[in-house]
Amino acid sequence: MRTATIRELRNDFGRLSKWLEKGETVQLLKHGKPFARVVPEPKARGLLGRMAGTAIVPHDIDDPVGVDWEALK
């Protein structure tokens, strides 16, 4: 966790925002004592990433189904 003063937050926000973009938490100090924490937002995952673990795929998914298809005649 990085630390910064309120003055650094006000005068050099660009540097602090780069820390946040990298996923680091920034603890703000006021008069040398912890005052607040700035926590980065969780990174948004794509559609498939959000769906991870939600589908159950049977182990026999590629086995023949045993159906006589009209199109194959």
Protein backbone atom coordinates (compact mmCIF):
# COMPACT_ATOMS: atom_id res chain seq x y z
CA MET A 1 0.00 0.00 0.00
CA ARG A 2 1.31 3.40 -0.98
CA THR A 3 1.01 6.47 1.23
CA ALA A 4 0.52 10.10 0.27
CA THR A 5 -0.32 13.31 2.04
CA ILE A 6 -3.38 15.43 1.42
CA ARG A 7 -1.08 18.01 -0.19
CA GLU A 8 0.30 15.39 -2.59
CA LEU A 9 -3.23 14.33 -3.44
CA ARG A 10 -4.14 17.91 -4.30
CA ASN A 11 -0.92 18.91 -6.09
CA ASP A 12 0.16 15.65 -7.75
CA PHE A 13 -3.01 13.68 -8.39
CA GLY A 14 -1.61 12.38 -11.69
CA ARG A 15 1.04 10.32 -9.91
CA LEU A 16 -1.46 8.95 -7.40
CA SER A 17 -3.95 8.07 -10.11
CA LYS A 18 -1.24 6.00 -11.84
CA TRP A 19 -0.84 4.01 -8.63
CA LEU A 20 -4.57 3.42 -8.55
CA GLU A 21 -4.60 2.34 -12.21
CA LYS A 22 -2.01 -0.30 -11.33
CA GLY A 23 -4.38 -1.61 -8.64
CA GLU A 24 -2.59 -0.20 -5.59
CA THR A 25 -4.41 1.16 -2.55
CA VAL A 26 -3.32 4.63 -1.43
CA GLN A 27 -3.44 5.58 2.24
CA LEU A 28 -3.81 9.31 2.78
CA LEU A 29 -2.01 10.95 5.68
CA LYS A 30 -3.08 14.14 7.42
CA HIS A 31 -0.54 15.63 9.79
CA GLY A 32 1.41 12.36 9.52
CA LYS A 33 -1.50 10.18 10.68
CA PRO A 34 -3.68 7.88 8.55
CA PHE A 35 -6.76 9.80 7.42
CA ALA A 36 -8.36 7.79 4.61
CA ARG A 37 -7.75 5.11 2.01
CA VAL A 38 -8.39 5.34 -1.69
CA VAL A 39 -9.09 1.93 -3.18
CA PRO A 40 -9.14 1.30 -6.95
CA GLU A 41 -12.32 0.01 -8.58
CA PRO A 42 -12.19 -3.65 -9.53
CA LYS A 43 -11.32 -4.14 -13.17
CA ALA A 44 -14.31 -4.92 -15.36
CA ARG A 45 -14.10 -8.34 -16.93
CA GLY A 46 -15.49 -9.25 -20.32
CA LEU A 47 -18.71 -11.19 -20.75
CA LEU A 48 -17.01 -14.58 -20.72
CA GLY A 49 -14.94 -13.62 -17.69
CA ARG A 50 -18.07 -12.69 -15.74
CA MET A 51 -19.67 -16.00 -16.69
CA ALA A 52 -16.72 -18.12 -15.53
CA GLY A 53 -17.91 -21.00 -13.39
CA THR A 54 -21.62 -20.51 -14.14
CA ALA A 55 -22.07 -23.18 -16.82
CA ILE A 56 -21.94 -26.92 -16.27
CA VAL A 57 -20.50 -28.83 -19.22
CA PRO A 58 -21.17 -32.59 -19.14
CA HIS A 59 -18.18 -34.87 -19.66
CA ASP A 60 -19.88 -36.58 -22.64
CA ILE A 61 -20.61 -33.38 -24.58
CA ASP A 62 -19.03 -34.70 -27.79
CA ASP A 63 -20.57 -38.20 -27.70
CA PRO A 64 -23.17 -39.10 -30.35
CA VAL A 65 -26.73 -38.41 -29.22
CA GLY A 66 -28.28 -41.45 -30.86
CA VAL A 67 -30.92 -39.44 -32.75
CA ASP A 68 -31.77 -40.22 -36.38
CA TRP A 69 -31.61 -36.77 -37.98
CA GLU A 70 -33.86 -35.97 -40.94
CA ALA A 71 -31.08 -33.99 -42.65
CA LEU A 72 -28.77 -37.02 -42.72
CA LYS A 73 -31.18 -39.17 -44.77
